[in-house]
Amino acid sequence: MSQALEARTRDGVPMTSQARTATAGRRAEFSAFVSAHSPSLLRAAFLLTGDQHLAEDLVQDALARTYRAWNRLDRAGNAAAYTRKVMYHLQVSWWRRRKVAETLTDAVPHRAARGRDVALEVTMHHALLKLTPAQRAAIVLRFFEDRTEVETARILGCSQSTVKTRTRRGLEKLRGLAPELEGMLS
């Protein structure tokens, strides 16, 4: 009976106590990572998807893939960058599969803090949804995630000049769609 309850590897071999301890440590480390990074990942996912529920699904899928790669990742920031890159690639795959016409949503993912202009944030959200997926990803990473051009290029898997072009064109389109956003887009 005790053999049936014994932890086993994927190959069905019983785990040693050292392996069980390492697995428990890995889980604790990953749980701490999820706790620390989930809010910012969810914000970025919402800006990419335009829908709170899809954003939650996107973050969950990205975190599942991050967990599978956890042993290969350098925890000093690489895990967060890896997760963001996975999120972006999953979202691009979804855009390509669905070819869905983007629609506006009235959902706002968070309550406004004091001094924040909710109407301006909603306008920004609606305008972002009118950008191409590539432009939106560049704008979200550069302005909402505060990423450098180099980091953005690495996450998106493109050149730095492509990031500059997508950002410039996205900003031009946003300014044309909503001139009142000018102060937010500097």
N, C-alpha and C. Protein backbone atom coordinates (compact mmCIF):
# COMPACT_ATOMS: atom_id res chain seq x y z
N MET A 1 0.82 -1.20 0.00
CA MET A 1 0.00 0.00 0.00
C MET A 1 0.86 1.25 0.00
N SER A 2 1.92 1.28 0.81
CA SER A 2 2.76 2.47 0.87
C SER A 2 3.44 2.72 -0.47
N GLN A 3 3.68 1.66 -1.24
CA GLN A 3 4.31 1.82 -2.54
C GLN A 3 3.38 2.55 -3.51
N ALA A 4 2.08 2.36 -3.39
CA ALA A 4 1.12 3.01 -4.28
C ALA A 4 1.07 4.51 -4.04
N LEU A 5 1.33 4.95 -2.81
CA LEU A 5 1.27 6.36 -2.47
C LEU A 5 2.61 7.07 -2.66
N GLU A 6 3.63 6.31 -2.98
CA GLU A 6 4.97 6.86 -3.11
C GLU A 6 5.06 7.75 -4.35
N ALA A 7 5.71 8.91 -4.21
CA ALA A 7 5.90 9.81 -5.34
C ALA A 7 6.79 9.15 -6.38
N ARG A 8 6.43 9.34 -7.64
CA ARG A 8 7.19 8.71 -8.72
C ARG A 8 7.56 9.75 -9.77
N THR A 9 8.61 9.47 -10.51
CA THR A 9 9.01 10.33 -11.61
C THR A 9 8.08 10.06 -12.79
N ARG A 10 8.27 10.80 -13.88
CA ARG A 10 7.44 10.58 -15.07
C ARG A 10 7.62 9.18 -15.64
N ASP A 11 8.80 8.60 -15.42
CA ASP A 11 9.08 7.26 -15.92
C ASP A 11 8.54 6.17 -15.00
N GLY A 12 7.91 6.54 -13.90
CA GLY A 12 7.35 5.58 -12.98
C GLY A 12 8.32 5.09 -11.93
N VAL A 13 9.51 5.65 -11.91
CA VAL A 13 10.53 5.25 -10.94
C VAL A 13 10.25 6.00 -9.63
N PRO A 14 10.32 5.30 -8.49
CA PRO A 14 10.08 5.99 -7.21
C PRO A 14 11.10 7.11 -7.00
N MET A 15 10.63 8.25 -6.50
CA MET A 15 11.50 9.40 -6.22
C MET A 15 12.27 9.18 -4.93
N THR A 16 13.49 9.65 -4.92
CA THR A 16 14.28 9.62 -3.69
C THR A 16 13.83 10.78 -2.82
N SER A 17 14.19 10.76 -1.56
CA SER A 17 13.82 11.87 -0.68
C SER A 17 14.49 13.16 -1.14
N GLN A 18 15.68 13.06 -1.71
CA GLN A 18 16.37 14.25 -2.22
C GLN A 18 15.60 14.84 -3.41
N ALA A 19 15.10 13.99 -4.28
CA ALA A 19 14.32 14.46 -5.44
C ALA A 19 13.01 15.09 -4.98
N ARG A 20 12.37 14.49 -3.97
CA ARG A 20 11.12 15.07 -3.45
C ARG A 20 11.38 16.44 -2.85
N THR A 21 12.49 16.61 -2.14
CA THR A 21 12.85 17.90 -1.55
C THR A 21 13.12 18.93 -2.63
N ALA A 22 13.84 18.53 -3.69
CA ALA A 22 14.14 19.44 -4.80
C ALA A 22 12.86 19.87 -5.49
N THR A 23 11.93 18.92 -5.69
CA THR A 23 10.66 19.24 -6.33
C THR A 23 9.85 20.20 -5.47
N ALA A 24 9.83 19.99 -4.16
CA ALA A 24 9.11 20.89 -3.26
C ALA A 24 9.73 22.28 -3.29
N GLY A 25 11.05 22.35 -3.33
CA GLY A 25 11.73 23.65 -3.41
C GLY A 25 11.43 24.36 -4.71
N ARG A 26 11.38 23.60 -5.79
CA ARG A 26 11.05 24.16 -7.10
C ARG A 26 9.64 24.75 -7.09
N ARG A 27 8.71 24.02 -6.51
CA ARG A 27 7.33 24.49 -6.43
C ARG A 27 7.22 25.76 -5.59
N ALA A 28 7.92 25.80 -4.47
CA ALA A 28 7.89 26.98 -3.59
C ALA A 28 8.49 28.19 -4.30
N GLU A 29 9.58 27.97 -5.01
CA GLU A 29 10.23 29.04 -5.75
C GLU A 29 9.30 29.58 -6.84
N PHE A 30 8.65 28.66 -7.56
CA PHE A 30 7.73 29.07 -8.62
C PHE A 30 6.52 29.79 -8.04
N SER A 31 5.99 29.33 -6.93
CA SER A 31 4.86 30.00 -6.27
C SER A 31 5.21 31.42 -5.88
N ALA A 32 6.41 31.62 -5.38
CA ALA A 32 6.86 32.97 -5.02
C ALA A 32 6.96 33.85 -6.27
N PHE A 33 7.45 33.27 -7.37
CA PHE A 33 7.53 34.00 -8.64
C PHE A 33 6.14 34.42 -9.10
N VAL A 34 5.19 33.49 -9.06
CA VAL A 34 3.82 33.79 -9.49
C VAL A 34 3.22 34.90 -8.63
N SER A 35 3.39 34.82 -7.32
CA SER A 35 2.86 35.84 -6.42
C SER A 35 3.44 37.22 -6.72
N ALA A 36 4.72 37.26 -7.00
CA ALA A 36 5.39 38.54 -7.24
C ALA A 36 5.05 39.14 -8.60
N HIS A 37 4.83 38.32 -9.62
CA HIS A 37 4.71 38.83 -10.98
C HIS A 37 3.30 38.78 -11.57
N SER A 38 2.37 38.09 -10.94
CA SER A 38 1.02 37.95 -11.52
C SER A 38 0.33 39.28 -11.80
N PRO A 39 0.35 40.26 -10.90
CA PRO A 39 -0.37 41.51 -11.20
C PRO A 39 0.14 42.20 -12.46
N SER A 40 1.46 42.29 -12.63
CA SER A 40 1.98 42.98 -13.82
C SER A 40 1.76 42.14 -15.08
N LEU A 41 1.84 40.83 -14.96
CA LEU A 41 1.56 39.97 -16.11
C LEU A 41 0.11 40.10 -16.54
N LEU A 42 -0.79 40.17 -15.57
CA LEU A 42 -2.21 40.30 -15.88
C LEU A 42 -2.52 41.64 -16.55
N ARG A 43 -1.88 42.71 -16.08
CA ARG A 43 -2.08 44.03 -16.73
C ARG A 43 -1.62 43.99 -18.18
N ALA A 44 -0.45 43.43 -18.40
CA ALA A 44 0.08 43.34 -19.77
C ALA A 44 -0.81 42.45 -20.64
N ALA A 45 -1.27 41.35 -20.09
CA ALA A 45 -2.14 40.44 -20.85
C ALA A 45 -3.47 41.12 -21.20
N PHE A 46 -3.99 41.91 -20.27
CA PHE A 46 -5.24 42.63 -20.55
C PHE A 46 -5.05 43.61 -21.69
N LEU A 47 -3.93 44.31 -21.68
CA LEU A 47 -3.66 45.26 -22.75
C LEU A 47 -3.47 44.55 -24.09
N LEU A 48 -2.95 43.34 -24.07
CA LEU A 48 -2.78 42.57 -25.31
C LEU A 48 -4.09 42.00 -25.82
N THR A 49 -4.93 41.52 -24.90
CA THR A 49 -6.15 40.82 -25.31
C THR A 49 -7.38 41.72 -25.38
N GLY A 50 -7.43 42.72 -24.51
CA GLY A 50 -8.61 43.57 -24.46
C GLY A 50 -9.77 42.96 -23.69
N ASP A 51 -9.55 41.85 -23.02
CA ASP A 51 -10.61 41.15 -22.31
C ASP A 51 -10.03 40.54 -21.03
N GLN A 52 -10.67 40.80 -19.91
CA GLN A 52 -10.15 40.34 -18.63
C GLN A 52 -10.05 38.81 -18.55
N HIS A 53 -11.08 38.12 -19.04
CA HIS A 53 -11.08 36.66 -18.96
C HIS A 53 -10.02 36.04 -19.88
N LEU A 54 -9.90 36.59 -21.09
CA LEU A 54 -8.86 36.11 -21.99
C LEU A 54 -7.48 36.40 -21.41
N ALA A 55 -7.34 37.54 -20.75
CA ALA A 55 -6.06 37.90 -20.12
C ALA A 55 -5.70 36.89 -19.04
N GLU A 56 -6.67 36.52 -18.22
CA GLU A 56 -6.42 35.53 -17.17
C GLU A 56 -6.00 34.19 -17.77
N ASP A 57 -6.68 33.79 -18.86
CA ASP A 57 -6.33 32.54 -19.54
C ASP A 57 -4.91 32.61 -20.12
N LEU A 58 -4.60 33.76 -20.72
CA LEU A 58 -3.28 33.94 -21.31
C LEU A 58 -2.18 33.84 -20.25
N VAL A 59 -2.38 34.50 -19.12
CA VAL A 59 -1.40 34.44 -18.04
C VAL A 59 -1.27 33.01 -17.52
N GLN A 60 -2.39 32.33 -17.35
CA GLN A 60 -2.35 30.95 -16.85
C GLN A 60 -1.59 30.04 -17.81
N ASP A 61 -1.86 30.17 -19.11
CA ASP A 61 -1.15 29.34 -20.09
C ASP A 61 0.34 29.65 -20.09
N ALA A 62 0.68 30.94 -20.02
CA ALA A 62 2.10 31.33 -20.02
C ALA A 62 2.80 30.83 -18.76
N LEU A 63 2.13 30.91 -17.62
CA LEU A 63 2.74 30.42 -16.38
C LEU A 63 2.91 28.90 -16.40
N ALA A 64 1.98 28.20 -17.02
CA ALA A 64 2.12 26.74 -17.13
C ALA A 64 3.36 26.39 -17.96
N ARG A 65 3.58 27.12 -19.03
CA ARG A 65 4.77 26.87 -19.85
C ARG A 65 6.04 27.28 -19.12
N THR A 66 5.95 28.36 -18.35
CA THR A 66 7.11 28.80 -17.57
C THR A 66 7.46 27.74 -16.54
N TYR A 67 6.47 27.15 -15.91
CA TYR A 67 6.74 26.11 -14.91
C TYR A 67 7.46 24.92 -15.54
N ARG A 68 7.03 24.54 -16.73
CA ARG A 68 7.69 23.41 -17.41
C ARG A 68 9.16 23.72 -17.73
N ALA A 69 9.47 25.00 -17.95
CA ALA A 69 10.84 25.40 -18.28
C ALA A 69 11.61 25.90 -17.06
N TRP A 70 11.00 25.84 -15.89
CA TRP A 70 11.55 26.48 -14.68
C TRP A 70 13.00 26.09 -14.38
N ASN A 71 13.35 24.83 -14.54
CA ASN A 71 14.72 24.39 -14.23
C ASN A 71 15.75 25.01 -15.17
N ARG A 72 15.35 25.39 -16.37
CA ARG A 72 16.28 25.97 -17.35
C ARG A 72 16.43 27.47 -17.20
N LEU A 73 15.55 28.12 -16.45
CA LEU A 73 15.53 29.58 -16.39
C LEU A 73 16.42 30.11 -15.28
N ASP A 74 17.09 31.21 -15.58
CA ASP A 74 17.85 31.95 -14.58
C ASP A 74 16.84 32.82 -13.85
N ARG A 75 16.72 32.67 -12.55
CA ARG A 75 15.67 33.36 -11.79
C ARG A 75 15.88 34.88 -11.69
N ALA A 76 17.06 35.38 -12.03
CA ALA A 76 17.36 36.81 -11.87
C ALA A 76 16.74 37.63 -13.01
N GLY A 77 15.43 37.55 -13.16
CA GLY A 77 14.75 38.35 -14.16
C GLY A 77 14.45 37.61 -15.44
N ASN A 78 15.18 36.56 -15.71
CA ASN A 78 14.98 35.81 -16.93
C ASN A 78 13.62 35.13 -16.95
N ALA A 79 13.15 34.68 -15.82
CA ALA A 79 11.86 33.99 -15.76
C ALA A 79 10.72 34.93 -16.13
N ALA A 80 10.78 36.17 -15.66
CA ALA A 80 9.74 37.14 -15.99
C ALA A 80 9.77 37.47 -17.48
N ALA A 81 10.96 37.68 -18.02
CA ALA A 81 11.09 37.97 -19.45
C ALA A 81 10.60 36.79 -20.29
N TYR A 82 10.95 35.59 -19.86
CA TYR A 82 10.51 34.39 -20.56
C TYR A 82 8.98 34.30 -20.56
N THR A 83 8.36 34.56 -19.42
CA THR A 83 6.90 34.48 -19.31
C THR A 83 6.23 35.51 -20.20
N ARG A 84 6.76 36.73 -20.23
CA ARG A 84 6.20 37.77 -21.11
C ARG A 84 6.33 37.38 -22.58
N LYS A 85 7.46 36.81 -22.93
CA LYS A 85 7.66 36.38 -24.31
C LYS A 85 6.67 35.28 -24.67
N VAL A 86 6.47 34.33 -23.77
CA VAL A 86 5.50 33.26 -23.99
C VAL A 86 4.10 33.86 -24.16
N MET A 87 3.75 34.83 -23.30
CA MET A 87 2.43 35.47 -23.40
C MET A 87 2.25 36.10 -24.78
N TYR A 88 3.25 36.84 -25.22
CA TYR A 88 3.15 37.50 -26.51
C TYR A 88 2.98 36.47 -27.63
N HIS A 89 3.79 35.42 -27.61
CA HIS A 89 3.72 34.42 -28.68
C HIS A 89 2.39 33.66 -28.65
N LEU A 90 1.89 33.36 -27.47
CA LEU A 90 0.57 32.72 -27.38
C LEU A 90 -0.51 33.63 -27.95
N GLN A 91 -0.43 34.92 -27.64
CA GLN A 91 -1.43 35.86 -28.13
C GLN A 91 -1.35 36.01 -29.65
N VAL A 92 -0.15 36.08 -30.20
CA VAL A 92 0.01 36.17 -31.65
C VAL A 92 -0.57 34.92 -32.31
N SER A 93 -0.33 33.77 -31.73
CA SER A 93 -0.90 32.52 -32.27
C SER A 93 -2.42 32.58 -32.25
N TRP A 94 -2.97 33.12 -31.18
CA TRP A 94 -4.43 33.24 -31.09
C TRP A 94 -4.95 34.19 -32.16
N TRP A 95 -4.26 35.34 -32.33
CA TRP A 95 -4.68 36.29 -33.36
C TRP A 95 -4.66 35.64 -34.74
N ARG A 96 -3.63 34.89 -35.01
CA ARG A 96 -3.50 34.25 -36.32
C ARG A 96 -4.57 33.17 -36.52
N ARG A 97 -4.82 32.39 -35.49
CA ARG A 97 -5.82 31.33 -35.61
C ARG A 97 -7.22 31.89 -35.78
N ARG A 98 -7.54 32.86 -35.02
CA ARG A 98 -8.91 33.36 -34.97
C ARG A 98 -9.23 34.35 -36.08
N LYS A 99 -8.27 35.20 -36.40
CA LYS A 99 -8.53 36.28 -37.37
C LYS A 99 -9.82 37.00 -37.00
N VAL A 100 -10.00 37.19 -35.70
CA VAL A 100 -11.22 37.80 -35.19
C VAL A 100 -11.15 39.30 -35.38
N ALA A 101 -12.25 39.87 -35.80
CA ALA A 101 -12.32 41.33 -35.85
C ALA A 101 -12.32 41.84 -34.42
N GLU A 102 -11.44 42.78 -34.15
CA GLU A 102 -11.34 43.29 -32.79
C GLU A 102 -12.55 44.16 -32.48
N THR A 103 -13.08 43.98 -31.28
CA THR A 103 -14.22 44.76 -30.86
C THR A 103 -13.87 45.53 -29.61
N LEU A 104 -14.56 46.61 -29.41
CA LEU A 104 -14.33 47.42 -28.22
C LEU A 104 -15.01 46.77 -27.04
N THR A 105 -14.47 47.02 -25.88
CA THR A 105 -15.05 46.48 -24.66
C THR A 105 -15.20 47.60 -23.64
N ASP A 106 -16.18 47.47 -22.79
CA ASP A 106 -16.36 48.46 -21.74
C ASP A 106 -15.69 48.04 -20.45
N ALA A 107 -15.04 46.89 -20.46
CA ALA A 107 -14.41 46.40 -19.23
C ALA A 107 -13.16 47.19 -18.91
N VAL A 108 -13.03 47.56 -17.67
CA VAL A 108 -11.82 48.21 -17.18
C VAL A 108 -11.27 47.29 -16.10
N PRO A 109 -9.99 46.87 -16.19
CA PRO A 109 -9.48 45.82 -15.33
C PRO A 109 -9.19 46.21 -13.89
N HIS A 110 -9.23 47.47 -13.56
CA HIS A 110 -8.88 47.87 -12.20
C HIS A 110 -9.63 49.14 -11.83
N ARG A 111 -9.71 49.37 -10.56
CA ARG A 111 -10.33 50.60 -10.10
C ARG A 111 -9.32 51.72 -10.21
N ALA A 112 -9.79 52.85 -10.56
CA ALA A 112 -8.88 53.99 -10.72
C ALA A 112 -8.38 54.46 -9.37
N ALA A 113 -7.12 54.77 -9.33
CA ALA A 113 -6.55 55.35 -8.12
C ALA A 113 -6.89 56.84 -8.11
N ARG A 114 -6.75 57.44 -6.97
CA ARG A 114 -7.02 58.87 -6.88
C ARG A 114 -6.14 59.63 -7.86
N GLY A 115 -6.75 60.62 -8.48
CA GLY A 115 -6.00 61.46 -9.40
C GLY A 115 -5.88 60.88 -10.80
N ARG A 116 -6.42 59.69 -11.04
CA ARG A 116 -6.34 59.10 -12.37
C ARG A 116 -7.58 59.47 -13.16
N ASP A 117 -7.41 59.70 -14.41
CA ASP A 117 -8.50 60.05 -15.29
C ASP A 117 -9.02 58.77 -15.95
N VAL A 118 -10.11 58.24 -15.41
CA VAL A 118 -10.66 56.98 -15.88
C VAL A 118 -11.11 57.10 -17.34
N ALA A 119 -11.72 58.21 -17.69
CA ALA A 119 -12.18 58.39 -19.07
C ALA A 119 -11.01 58.33 -20.04
N LEU A 120 -9.91 58.93 -19.66
CA LEU A 120 -8.71 58.91 -20.51
C LEU A 120 -8.15 57.48 -20.63
N GLU A 121 -8.19 56.74 -19.53
CA GLU A 121 -7.71 55.35 -19.57
C GLU A 121 -8.60 54.49 -20.46
N VAL A 122 -9.90 54.69 -20.39
CA VAL A 122 -10.83 53.93 -21.24
C VAL A 122 -10.60 54.30 -22.70
N THR A 123 -10.40 55.60 -22.97
CA THR A 123 -10.10 56.04 -24.33
C THR A 123 -8.83 55.38 -24.84
N MET A 124 -7.81 55.33 -24.00
CA MET A 124 -6.55 54.69 -24.37
C MET A 124 -6.78 53.21 -24.68
N HIS A 125 -7.52 52.55 -23.83
CA HIS A 125 -7.79 51.13 -24.03
C HIS A 125 -8.50 50.89 -25.37
N HIS A 126 -9.52 51.67 -25.66
CA HIS A 126 -10.27 51.52 -26.91
C HIS A 126 -9.37 51.80 -28.11
N ALA A 127 -8.53 52.83 -28.00
CA ALA A 127 -7.62 53.16 -29.09
C ALA A 127 -6.59 52.05 -29.31
N LEU A 128 -6.09 51.47 -28.23
CA LEU A 128 -5.12 50.37 -28.36
C LEU A 128 -5.71 49.20 -29.14
N LEU A 129 -6.99 48.94 -28.93
CA LEU A 129 -7.63 47.82 -29.62
C LEU A 129 -7.74 48.04 -31.12
N LYS A 130 -7.58 49.28 -31.57
CA LYS A 130 -7.66 49.58 -33.00
C LYS A 130 -6.31 49.47 -33.70
N LEU A 131 -5.24 49.26 -32.95
CA LEU A 131 -3.92 49.08 -33.54
C LEU A 131 -3.77 47.65 -34.06
N THR A 132 -2.79 47.45 -34.93
CA THR A 132 -2.49 46.07 -35.34
C THR A 132 -1.92 45.34 -34.12
N PRO A 133 -2.01 44.03 -34.10
CA PRO A 133 -1.45 43.29 -32.96
C PRO A 133 0.04 43.59 -32.73
N ALA A 134 0.81 43.73 -33.80
CA ALA A 134 2.24 44.01 -33.65
C ALA A 134 2.48 45.40 -33.06
N GLN A 135 1.71 46.39 -33.53
CA GLN A 135 1.85 47.75 -32.98
C GLN A 135 1.42 47.77 -31.52
N ARG A 136 0.32 47.10 -31.21
CA ARG A 136 -0.17 47.08 -29.83
C ARG A 136 0.86 46.45 -28.90
N ALA A 137 1.44 45.34 -29.32
CA ALA A 137 2.45 44.68 -28.49
C ALA A 137 3.64 45.60 -28.25
N ALA A 138 4.10 46.29 -29.28
CA ALA A 138 5.23 47.21 -29.12
C ALA A 138 4.88 48.35 -28.17
N ILE A 139 3.70 48.93 -28.32
CA ILE A 139 3.28 50.04 -27.45
C ILE A 139 3.13 49.56 -26.01
N VAL A 140 2.49 48.41 -25.81
CA VAL A 140 2.29 47.89 -24.45
C VAL A 140 3.64 47.65 -23.77
N LEU A 141 4.55 47.00 -24.47
CA LEU A 141 5.85 46.71 -23.87
C LEU A 141 6.66 47.98 -23.61
N ARG A 142 6.66 48.90 -24.56
CA ARG A 142 7.48 50.11 -24.42
C ARG A 142 6.92 51.09 -23.39
N PHE A 143 5.61 51.34 -23.42
CA PHE A 143 5.05 52.40 -22.59
C PHE A 143 4.36 51.92 -21.32
N PHE A 144 3.74 50.76 -21.35
CA PHE A 144 3.03 50.28 -20.16
C PHE A 144 3.90 49.36 -19.32
N GLU A 145 4.82 48.66 -19.97
CA GLU A 145 5.74 47.77 -19.25
C GLU A 145 7.10 48.42 -19.04
N ASP A 146 7.30 49.61 -19.59
CA ASP A 146 8.57 50.36 -19.45
C ASP A 146 9.78 49.57 -19.93
N ARG A 147 9.64 48.87 -21.03
CA ARG A 147 10.74 48.09 -21.59
C ARG A 147 11.57 48.95 -22.54
N THR A 148 12.84 48.66 -22.63
CA THR A 148 13.70 49.35 -23.60
C THR A 148 13.42 48.77 -24.98
N GLU A 149 13.95 49.44 -26.01
CA GLU A 149 13.79 48.92 -27.36
C GLU A 149 14.46 47.56 -27.50
N VAL A 150 15.61 47.41 -26.88
CA VAL A 150 16.35 46.14 -26.94
C VAL A 150 15.54 45.02 -26.28
N GLU A 151 15.00 45.27 -25.08
CA GLU A 151 14.19 44.26 -24.39
C GLU A 151 12.95 43.92 -25.20
N THR A 152 12.30 44.95 -25.75
CA THR A 152 11.09 44.73 -26.54
C THR A 152 11.40 43.88 -27.76
N ALA A 153 12.50 44.18 -28.44
CA ALA A 153 12.90 43.40 -29.62
C ALA A 153 13.15 41.94 -29.24
N ARG A 154 13.80 41.72 -28.10
CA ARG A 154 14.08 40.36 -27.65
C ARG A 154 12.77 39.61 -27.35
N ILE A 155 11.86 40.28 -26.66
CA ILE A 155 10.58 39.65 -26.31
C ILE A 155 9.76 39.34 -27.55
N LEU A 156 9.73 40.28 -28.50
CA LEU A 156 8.91 40.09 -29.70
C LEU A 156 9.60 39.25 -30.76
N GLY A 157 10.90 39.01 -30.58
CA GLY A 157 11.63 38.20 -31.55
C GLY A 157 11.83 38.92 -32.88
N CYS A 158 12.09 40.21 -32.81
CA CYS A 158 12.32 41.00 -34.02
C CYS A 158 13.50 41.93 -33.80
N SER A 159 13.84 42.71 -34.82
CA SER A 159 14.97 43.62 -34.70
C SER A 159 14.56 44.89 -33.95
N GLN A 160 15.56 45.61 -33.48
CA GLN A 160 15.31 46.86 -32.78
C GLN A 160 14.68 47.89 -33.72
N SER A 161 15.08 47.89 -34.98
CA SER A 161 14.50 48.84 -35.94
C SER A 161 13.03 48.52 -36.19
N THR A 162 12.67 47.24 -36.16
CA THR A 162 11.26 46.86 -36.31
C THR A 162 10.45 47.37 -35.13
N VAL A 163 11.01 47.28 -33.93
CA VAL A 163 10.34 47.81 -32.74
C VAL A 163 10.13 49.31 -32.89
N LYS A 164 11.16 50.03 -33.35
CA LYS A 164 11.04 51.48 -33.53
C LYS A 164 9.94 51.81 -34.54
N THR A 165 9.90 51.07 -35.64
CA THR A 165 8.89 51.32 -36.67
C THR A 165 7.49 51.04 -36.15
N ARG A 166 7.32 49.89 -35.49
CA ARG A 166 5.99 49.55 -34.96
C ARG A 166 5.55 50.56 -33.90
N THR A 167 6.47 50.98 -33.07
CA THR A 167 6.15 51.96 -32.03
C THR A 167 5.75 53.29 -32.66
N ARG A 168 6.55 53.76 -33.62
CA ARG A 168 6.27 55.04 -34.27
C ARG A 168 4.91 55.01 -34.97
N ARG A 169 4.66 53.96 -35.73
CA ARG A 169 3.39 53.86 -36.46
C ARG A 169 2.21 53.71 -35.49
N GLY A 170 2.41 52.95 -34.43
CA GLY A 170 1.36 52.79 -33.43
C GLY A 170 1.04 54.11 -32.74
N LEU A 171 2.08 54.86 -32.38
CA LEU A 171 1.87 56.17 -31.75
C LEU A 171 1.17 57.13 -32.69
N GLU A 172 1.57 57.13 -33.96
CA GLU A 172 0.91 58.00 -34.95
C GLU A 172 -0.58 57.66 -35.04
N LYS A 173 -0.87 56.38 -35.09
CA LYS A 173 -2.28 55.95 -35.20
C LYS A 173 -3.05 56.33 -33.93
N LEU A 174 -2.44 56.12 -32.76
CA LEU A 174 -3.10 56.49 -31.50
C LEU A 174 -3.38 57.99 -31.45
N ARG A 175 -2.41 58.79 -31.86
CA ARG A 175 -2.60 60.25 -31.86
C ARG A 175 -3.71 60.65 -32.81
N GLY A 176 -3.83 59.96 -33.94
CA GLY A 176 -4.91 60.25 -34.88
C GLY A 176 -6.27 59.81 -34.36
N LEU A 177 -6.30 58.68 -33.67
CA LEU A 177 -7.56 58.15 -33.13
C LEU A 177 -8.05 58.95 -31.93
N ALA A 178 -7.13 59.37 -31.09
CA ALA A 178 -7.50 60.04 -29.84
C ALA A 178 -6.48 61.13 -29.51
N PRO A 179 -6.64 62.32 -30.08
CA PRO A 179 -5.69 63.41 -29.84
C PRO A 179 -5.56 63.76 -28.36
N GLU A 180 -6.59 63.48 -27.57
CA GLU A 180 -6.56 63.81 -26.15
C GLU A 180 -5.54 62.97 -25.37
N LEU A 181 -4.99 61.95 -26.02
CA LEU A 181 -4.00 61.10 -25.37
C LEU A 181 -2.57 61.62 -25.52
N GLU A 182 -2.39 62.71 -26.22
CA GLU A 182 -1.06 63.24 -26.51
C GLU A 182 -0.15 63.28 -25.29
N GLY A 183 -0.63 63.74 -24.15
CA GLY A 183 0.19 63.83 -22.95
C GLY A 183 0.61 62.48 -22.41
N MET A 184 -0.17 61.45 -22.65
CA MET A 184 0.14 60.11 -22.16
C MET A 184 1.14 59.40 -23.06
N LEU A 185 1.31 59.87 -24.28
CA LEU A 185 2.11 59.16 -25.28
C LEU A 185 3.48 59.77 -25.49
N SER A 186 4.01 60.41 -24.50
CA SER A 186 5.32 61.04 -24.66
C SER A 186 6.38 60.22 -23.98
